[in-house]
C-alpha atoms as a PDB file:
ATOM      1  CA  UNK A   1       2.703   5.717   1.190  1.00  0.00           C
ATOM      2  CA  UNK A   2       4.718   8.669   1.112  1.00  0.00           C
ATOM      3  CA  UNK A   3       4.522  10.457   4.420  1.00  0.00           C
ATOM      4  CA  UNK A   4       6.075  10.362   7.633  1.00  0.00           C
ATOM      5  CA  UNK A   5       3.112   9.149   9.682  1.00  0.00           C
ATOM      6  CA  UNK A   6       3.430  10.019  13.056  1.00  0.00           C
ATOM      7  CA  UNK A   7       2.202  12.375  15.616  1.00  0.00           C
ATOM      8  CA  UNK A   8       5.121  15.202  16.194  1.00  0.00           C
ATOM      9  CA  UNK A   9       5.729  15.624  19.971  1.00  0.00           C
ATOM     10  CA  UNK A  10       5.028  19.317  19.751  1.00  0.00           C
ATOM     11  CA  UNK A  11       1.966  19.198  18.064  1.00  0.00           C
ATOM     12  CA  UNK A  12      -1.396  17.467  18.928  1.00  0.00           C
ATOM     13  CA  UNK A  13      -3.996  16.830  16.042  1.00  0.00           C
ATOM     14  CA  UNK A  14      -7.197  19.048  16.887  1.00  0.00           C
ATOM     15  CA  UNK A  15     -10.297  17.302  17.888  1.00  0.00           C
ATOM     16  CA  UNK A  16     -12.687  16.570  15.202  1.00  0.00           C
ATOM     17  CA  UNK A  17     -15.213  19.136  14.502  1.00  0.00           C
ATOM     18  CA  UNK A  18     -18.554  17.408  15.309  1.00  0.00           C
ATOM     19  CA  UNK A  19     -20.451  20.060  13.450  1.00  0.00           C
ATOM     20  CA  UNK A  20     -19.010  19.012  10.284  1.00  0.00           C
ATOM     21  CA  UNK A  21     -20.949  16.487   8.214  1.00  0.00           C
ATOM     22  CA  UNK A  22     -19.226  13.347   8.611  1.00  0.00           C
ATOM     23  CA  UNK A  23     -20.905  11.757   6.056  1.00  0.00           C
ATOM     24  CA  UNK A  24     -18.892  10.476   2.615  1.00  0.00           C
ATOM     25  CA  UNK A  25     -19.704  12.514  -0.546  1.00  0.00           C
ATOM     26  CA  UNK A  26     -18.870  11.349  -4.129  1.00  0.00           C
ATOM     27  CA  UNK A  27     -20.011  13.763  -6.632  1.00  0.00           C
ATOM     28  CA  UNK A  28     -18.092  15.308  -9.624  1.00  0.00           C
ATOM     29  CA  UNK A  29     -17.743  18.941  -9.666  1.00  0.00           C
ATOM     30  CA  UNK A  30     -16.754  21.396 -12.379  1.00  0.00           C
ATOM     31  CA  UNK A  31     -15.242  24.559 -11.365  1.00  0.00           C
ATOM     32  CA  UNK A  32     -15.917  28.053 -12.513  1.00  0.00           C
ATOM     33  CA  UNK A  33     -14.645  31.158 -12.242  1.00  0.00           C
ATOM     34  CA  UNK A  34     -14.454  33.016  -8.938  1.00  0.00           C
ATOM     35  CA  UNK A  35     -14.600  36.775  -8.589  1.00  0.00           C
ATOM     36  CA  UNK A  36     -12.914  37.618  -5.543  1.00  0.00           C
ATOM     37  CA  UNK A  37      -9.603  35.817  -6.875  1.00  0.00           C
ATOM     38  CA  UNK A  38      -7.244  38.577  -8.763  1.00  0.00           C
ATOM     39  CA  UNK A  39      -6.573  35.765 -11.832  1.00  0.00           C
ATOM     40  CA  UNK A  40      -9.536  34.470 -13.373  1.00  0.00           C
ATOM     41  CA  UNK A  41      -9.804  30.941 -11.980  1.00  0.00           C
ATOM     42  CA  UNK A  42      -9.521  28.206 -14.686  1.00  0.00           C
ATOM     43  CA  UNK A  43     -11.960  25.425 -14.870  1.00  0.00           C
ATOM     44  CA  UNK A  44     -11.317  22.238 -13.077  1.00  0.00           C
ATOM     45  CA  UNK A  45     -13.156  18.863 -13.056  1.00  0.00           C
ATOM     46  CA  UNK A  46     -12.783  16.433 -10.035  1.00  0.00           C
ATOM     47  CA  UNK A  47     -15.043  14.425  -7.800  1.00  0.00           C
ATOM     48  CA  UNK A  48     -15.561  14.969  -4.386  1.00  0.00           C
ATOM     49  CA  UNK A  49     -15.024  11.980  -2.356  1.00  0.00           C
ATOM     50  CA  UNK A  50     -14.759  13.232   1.287  1.00  0.00           C
ATOM     51  CA  UNK A  51     -12.907  11.073   3.808  1.00  0.00           C
ATOM     52  CA  UNK A  52     -15.344  10.597   7.313  1.00  0.00           C
ATOM     53  CA  UNK A  53     -13.970  12.935   9.801  1.00  0.00           C
ATOM     54  CA  UNK A  54     -11.711  11.442  12.275  1.00  0.00           C
ATOM     55  CA  UNK A  55      -8.579  12.310  13.870  1.00  0.00           C
ATOM     56  CA  UNK A  56      -6.062  10.088  11.873  1.00  0.00           C
ATOM     57  CA  UNK A  57      -6.929  11.528   8.563  1.00  0.00           C
ATOM     58  CA  UNK A  58      -9.202  14.128   8.319  1.00  0.00           C
ATOM     59  CA  UNK A  59      -9.464  15.950  11.396  1.00  0.00           C
ATOM     60  CA  UNK A  60     -11.821  18.846  10.542  1.00  0.00           C
ATOM     61  CA  UNK A  61      -9.589  21.511  11.244  1.00  0.00           C
ATOM     62  CA  UNK A  62      -9.152  24.707   8.946  1.00  0.00           C
ATOM     63  CA  UNK A  63      -6.285  25.455   7.279  1.00  0.00           C
ATOM     64  CA  UNK A  64      -4.834  29.017   8.932  1.00  0.00           C
ATOM     65  CA  UNK A  65      -3.933  30.098   5.129  1.00  0.00           C
ATOM     66  CA  UNK A  66      -2.325  28.541   2.033  1.00  0.00           C
ATOM     67  CA  UNK A  67       1.082  29.494   1.398  1.00  0.00           C
ATOM     68  CA  UNK A  68       2.240  26.484  -0.524  1.00  0.00           C
ATOM     69  CA  UNK A  69       1.370  23.427  -2.509  1.00  0.00           C
ATOM     70  CA  UNK A  70       3.190  20.172  -1.752  1.00  0.00           C
ATOM     71  CA  UNK A  71       3.728  17.437  -4.449  1.00  0.00           C
ATOM     72  CA  UNK A  72       3.694  13.970  -3.660  1.00  0.00           C
ATOM     73  CA  UNK A  73       3.698  10.379  -5.057  1.00  0.00           C
ATOM     74  CA  UNK A  74       1.283   7.534  -3.486  1.00  0.00           C
ATOM     75  CA  UNK A  75       4.320   5.128  -3.325  1.00  0.00           C
ATOM     76  CA  UNK A  76       2.649   2.208  -4.488  1.00  0.00           C
ATOM     77  CA  UNK A  77       2.657   1.881  -8.173  1.00  0.00           C
ATOM     78  CA  UNK A  78      -0.297   1.141 -10.438  1.00  0.00           C
ATOM     79  CA  UNK A  79      -2.647   1.610  -7.581  1.00  0.00           C
ATOM     80  CA  UNK A  80      -5.690   3.813  -8.431  1.00  0.00           C
ATOM     81  CA  UNK A  81      -6.599   6.827  -6.933  1.00  0.00           C
ATOM     82  CA  UNK A  82      -9.537   5.464  -5.345  1.00  0.00           C
ATOM     83  CA  UNK A  83      -7.400   3.178  -3.778  1.00  0.00           C
ATOM     84  CA  UNK A  84      -5.339   5.313  -2.120  1.00  0.00           C
ATOM     85  CA  UNK A  85      -8.353   7.234  -1.004  1.00  0.00           C
ATOM     86  CA  UNK A  86      -9.802   4.188   0.642  1.00  0.00           C
ATOM     87  CA  UNK A  87      -6.236   3.906   2.240  1.00  0.00           C
ATOM     88  CA  UNK A  88      -6.575   7.170   4.271  1.00  0.00           C
ATOM     89  CA  UNK A  89     -10.335   6.356   5.074  1.00  0.00           C
ATOM     90  CA  UNK A  90      -9.554   3.214   6.899  1.00  0.00           C
ATOM     91  CA  UNK A  91      -6.959   5.061   9.168  1.00  0.00           C
ATOM     92  CA  UNK A  92     -10.162   6.300  11.122  1.00  0.00           C
ATOM     93  CA  UNK A  93     -10.472   3.029  13.038  1.00  0.00           C
ATOM     94  CA  UNK A  94      -7.383   4.138  15.079  1.00  0.00           C
ATOM     95  CA  UNK A  95      -3.614   3.085  14.729  1.00  0.00           C
ATOM     96  CA  UNK A  96      -0.130   4.154  14.829  1.00  0.00           C
ATOM     97  CA  UNK A  97       0.186   6.717  12.121  1.00  0.00           C
ATOM     98  CA  UNK A  98      -1.647   9.857  10.771  1.00  0.00           C
ATOM     99  CA  UNK A  99      -1.808  10.706   7.322  1.00  0.00           C
ATOM    100  CA  UNK A 100      -3.817  12.240   4.308  1.00  0.00           C
ATOM    101  CA  UNK A 101      -3.762  14.668   1.819  1.00  0.00           C
ATOM    102  CA  UNK A 102      -6.410  17.032   0.094  1.00  0.00           C
ATOM    103  CA  UNK A 103      -5.888  15.721  -3.389  1.00  0.00           C
ATOM    104  CA  UNK A 104      -5.286  12.470  -5.287  1.00  0.00           C
ATOM    105  CA  UNK A 105      -4.602  12.518  -9.077  1.00  0.00           C
ATOM    106  CA  UNK A 106      -5.258   9.132 -11.002  1.00  0.00           C
ATOM    107  CA  UNK A 107      -3.530   7.091 -13.438  1.00  0.00           C
ATOM    108  CA  UNK A 108      -5.958   8.166 -16.311  1.00  0.00           C
ATOM    109  CA  UNK A 109      -6.258  11.783 -15.256  1.00  0.00           C
ATOM    110  CA  UNK A 110      -9.318  11.942 -12.704  1.00  0.00           C
ATOM    111  CA  UNK A 111      -8.721  13.770  -9.412  1.00  0.00           C
ATOM    112  CA  UNK A 112     -10.358  13.138  -6.399  1.00  0.00           C
ATOM    113  CA  UNK A 113     -11.084  15.737  -3.473  1.00  0.00           C
ATOM    114  CA  UNK A 114     -10.854  14.084  -0.151  1.00  0.00           C
ATOM    115  CA  UNK A 115     -11.824  16.886   2.180  1.00  0.00           C
ATOM    116  CA  UNK A 116     -13.335  20.267   1.642  1.00  0.00           C
ATOM    117  CA  UNK A 117     -10.972  22.472   0.432  1.00  0.00           C
ATOM    118  CA  UNK A 118     -10.445  25.012   3.433  1.00  0.00           C
ATOM    119  CA  UNK A 119      -9.428  21.694   5.617  1.00  0.00           C
ATOM    120  CA  UNK A 120      -6.213  20.573   6.671  1.00  0.00           C
ATOM    121  CA  UNK A 121      -4.843  17.498   5.797  1.00  0.00           C
ATOM    122  CA  UNK A 122      -1.659  15.557   7.166  1.00  0.00           C
ATOM    123  CA  UNK A 123       0.736  15.401   4.704  1.00  0.00           C
ATOM    124  CA  UNK A 124       3.802  17.365   5.300  1.00  0.00           C
ATOM    125  CA  UNK A 125       4.234  16.625   9.188  1.00  0.00           C
ATOM    126  CA  UNK A 126       7.919  16.010  10.329  1.00  0.00           C
ATOM    127  CA  UNK A 127      10.439  15.868  13.567  1.00  0.00           C
ATOM    128  CA  UNK A 128      12.686  18.195  11.470  1.00  0.00           C
ATOM    129  CA  UNK A 129      12.267  20.222   8.574  1.00  0.00           C
ATOM    130  CA  UNK A 130      14.740  21.341   5.416  1.00  0.00           C
ATOM    131  CA  UNK A 131      16.398  25.056   6.506  1.00  0.00           C
ATOM    132  CA  UNK A 132      14.753  27.991   5.989  1.00  0.00           C
ATOM    133  CA  UNK A 133      11.323  26.113   4.850  1.00  0.00           C
ATOM    134  CA  UNK A 134       9.195  27.085   8.081  1.00  0.00           C
ATOM    135  CA  UNK A 135      10.106  31.001   7.134  1.00  0.00           C
ATOM    136  CA  UNK A 136       7.961  30.190   4.041  1.00  0.00           C
ATOM    137  CA  UNK A 137       5.293  27.849   4.918  1.00  0.00           C
ATOM    138  CA  UNK A 138       4.898  28.408   8.800  1.00  0.00           C
ATOM    139  CA  UNK A 139       5.858  26.685  11.715  1.00  0.00           C
ATOM    140  CA  UNK A 140       3.323  23.746  11.333  1.00  0.00           C
ATOM    141  CA  UNK A 141       3.425  23.194   7.452  1.00  0.00           C
ATOM    142  CA  UNK A 142       0.386  21.176   7.349  1.00  0.00           C
ATOM    143  CA  UNK A 143      -1.578  24.081   8.602  1.00  0.00           C
ATOM    144  CA  UNK A 144      -0.343  26.270   5.955  1.00  0.00           C
ATOM    145  CA  UNK A 145      -0.158  24.001   2.787  1.00  0.00           C
ATOM    146  CA  UNK A 146      -2.253  22.070   0.590  1.00  0.00           C
ATOM    147  CA  UNK A 147      -1.163  18.340  -0.514  1.00  0.00           C
ATOM    148  CA  UNK A 148      -1.603  16.341  -3.900  1.00  0.00           C
ATOM    149  CA  UNK A 149      -1.121  12.831  -4.040  1.00  0.00           C
ATOM    150  CA  UNK A 150       0.133  11.460  -7.473  1.00  0.00           C
ATOM    151  CA  UNK A 151      -0.156   7.838  -8.941  1.00  0.00           C
ATOM    152  CA  UNK A 152       2.466   6.246 -10.828  1.00  0.00           C
ATOM    153  CA  UNK A 153       3.245   3.370 -12.941  1.00  0.00           C
ATOM    154  CA  UNK A 154       6.546   2.100 -11.440  1.00  0.00           C
ATOM    155  CA  UNK A 155       9.007   2.606  -8.365  1.00  0.00           C
ATOM    156  CA  UNK A 156      10.698   5.434 -10.142  1.00  0.00           C
ATOM    157  CA  UNK A 157       7.617   7.507  -9.359  1.00  0.00           C
ATOM    158  CA  UNK A 158       7.024   7.581 -13.636  1.00  0.00           C
ATOM    159  CA  UNK A 159       3.554   9.189 -14.154  1.00  0.00           C
ATOM    160  CA  UNK A 160       1.327   8.777 -17.202  1.00  0.00           C
ATOM    161  CA  UNK A 161       0.720  11.609 -19.425  1.00  0.00           C
ATOM    162  CA  UNK A 162      -2.989  12.012 -18.167  1.00  0.00           C
ATOM    163  CA  UNK A 163      -1.728  11.967 -14.642  1.00  0.00           C
ATOM    164  CA  UNK A 164       0.906  14.487 -15.262  1.00  0.00           C
ATOM    165  CA  UNK A 165      -1.304  16.795 -17.295  1.00  0.00           C
ATOM    166  CA  UNK A 166      -3.983  16.661 -14.979  1.00  0.00           C
ATOM    167  CA  UNK A 167      -1.199  17.512 -12.117  1.00  0.00           C
ATOM    168  CA  UNK A 168      -0.553  20.519 -13.951  1.00  0.00           C
ATOM    169  CA  UNK A 169      -4.079  21.875 -14.359  1.00  0.00           C
ATOM    170  CA  UNK A 170      -4.647  21.001 -10.749  1.00  0.00           C
ATOM    171  CA  UNK A 171      -1.667  22.904  -9.421  1.00  0.00           C
ATOM    172  CA  UNK A 172      -2.464  25.915 -11.753  1.00  0.00           C
ATOM    173  CA  UNK A 173      -5.954  26.016 -10.462  1.00  0.00           C
ATOM    174  CA  UNK A 174      -4.856  25.879  -6.398  1.00  0.00           C
ATOM    175  CA  UNK A 175      -2.055  28.494  -7.365  1.00  0.00           C
ATOM    176  CA  UNK A 176      -4.827  31.285  -8.985  1.00  0.00           C
ATOM    177  CA  UNK A 177      -7.286  30.107  -6.236  1.00  0.00           C
ATOM    178  CA  UNK A 178      -4.866  31.042  -3.489  1.00  0.00           C
ATOM    179  CA  UNK A 179      -3.000  34.092  -5.282  1.00  0.00           C
ATOM    180  CA  UNK A 180       0.286  32.100  -5.185  1.00  0.00           C
ATOM    181  CA  UNK A 181       2.928  31.729  -8.068  1.00  0.00           C
ATOM    182  CA  UNK A 182       4.990  28.858  -9.426  1.00  0.00           C
ATOM    183  CA  UNK A 183       7.639  29.513  -6.489  1.00  0.00           C
ATOM    184  CA  UNK A 184       5.195  28.653  -3.893  1.00  0.00           C
ATOM    185  CA  UNK A 185       4.930  24.993  -5.188  1.00  0.00           C
ATOM    186  CA  UNK A 186       7.088  22.371  -3.256  1.00  0.00           C
ATOM    187  CA  UNK A 187       7.849  18.957  -3.373  1.00  0.00           C
ATOM    188  CA  UNK A 188       7.568  16.973  -0.137  1.00  0.00           C
ATOM    189  CA  UNK A 189      11.437  16.878  -0.289  1.00  0.00           C
ATOM    190  CA  UNK A 190      11.482  20.491  -0.407  1.00  0.00           C
ATOM    191  CA  UNK A 191       9.821  20.841   3.154  1.00  0.00           C
ATOM    192  CA  UNK A 192      11.044  17.699   4.762  1.00  0.00           C
ATOM    193  CA  UNK A 193      13.579  16.028   2.704  1.00  0.00           C
ATOM    194  CA  UNK A 194      11.928  13.021   2.170  1.00  0.00           C
ATOM    195  CA  UNK A 195      12.191  11.646  -1.368  1.00  0.00           C
ATOM    196  CA  UNK A 196       8.907  12.220  -2.473  1.00  0.00           C
ATOM    197  CA  UNK A 197       7.785  12.695  -5.372  1.00  0.00           C
ATOM    198  CA  UNK A 198      10.375  10.417  -5.930  1.00  0.00           C
ATOM    199  CA  UNK A 199      10.421  10.877  -9.789  1.00  0.00           C
ATOM    200  CA  UNK A 200      10.716  14.650  -9.620  1.00  0.00           C
ATOM    201  CA  UNK A 201      13.528  14.320  -6.738  1.00  0.00           C
ATOM    202  CA  UNK A 202      15.604  11.995  -9.179  1.00  0.00           C
ATOM    203  CA  UNK A 203      14.898  14.110 -12.397  1.00  0.00           C
ATOM    204  CA  UNK A 204      15.233  17.780 -11.371  1.00  0.00           C
ATOM    205  CA  UNK A 205      15.361  18.390 -14.923  1.00  0.00           C
ATOM    206  CA  UNK A 206      11.767  16.992 -15.450  1.00  0.00           C
ATOM    207  CA  UNK A 207      10.655  18.874 -12.407  1.00  0.00           C
ATOM    208  CA  UNK A 208      12.309  22.185 -13.533  1.00  0.00           C
ATOM    209  CA  UNK A 209      10.308  21.601 -16.940  1.00  0.00           C
ATOM    210  CA  UNK A 210       6.743  21.173 -15.242  1.00  0.00           C
ATOM    211  CA  UNK A 211       7.624  24.504 -12.806  1.00  0.00           C
ATOM    212  CA  UNK A 212       8.274  26.511 -15.852  1.00  0.00           C
ATOM    213  CA  UNK A 213       5.281  25.194 -17.809  1.00  0.00           C
ATOM    214  CA  UNK A 214       3.336  26.225 -14.756  1.00  0.00           C
ATOM    215  CA  UNK A 215       4.790  29.579 -14.395  1.00  0.00           C
ATOM    216  CA  UNK A 216       4.422  30.285 -18.283  1.00  0.00           C
ATOM    217  CA  UNK A 217       0.740  28.864 -18.134  1.00  0.00           C
ATOM    218  CA  UNK A 218      -0.064  31.655 -15.205  1.00  0.00           C
ATOM    219  CA  UNK A 219       1.657  34.118 -16.958  1.00  0.00           C
ATOM    220  CA  UNK A 220      -1.086  34.456 -19.336  1.00  0.00           C
ATOM    221  CA  UNK A 221      -3.901  33.971 -17.008  1.00  0.00           C
END
């Protein structure tokens, strides 16, 4: 997977909240407009398939706030969103690493939400961060950022057209929901220096096109 999966020395993952529902939910959701956001929230279809609450991949801690969205690649070509979701689920048995994300986009464009939207995932942890990024997204970015994993077809990180289109829809949904702009959209690389999302890191022009499309669409909402 694409993460630096370790437990930072200065951060101890919080205890699992025993009040939370620990069952795995799986249901298809179509969102609608939300009155409290400043712009009309676009519709988004996704599947809820929650991880079991556990200290390694779903600690049950709430995000402190949302200051940015981080885009990742799964680092495992031609695997489905469900397969990668189940990878995070099996971490509940314990081990040497922590890791998860809130969202995964499938090869066919389906989107899976792995935990309630207000919960923190372990997707941008690092011993050292890129210069200046913590001023933007907080000292411990996991507590302030939402992560999106993208499936891909090869080791370059190239996505299907359906994956990239669904990623754009999801990014716009999240930016509007949290009153953010395209300037608050990051690659994992921008936060930790890790070569992730590999395709966008290696093809900055393609990433610029993606961000410009997001920015243009946000301007008409």
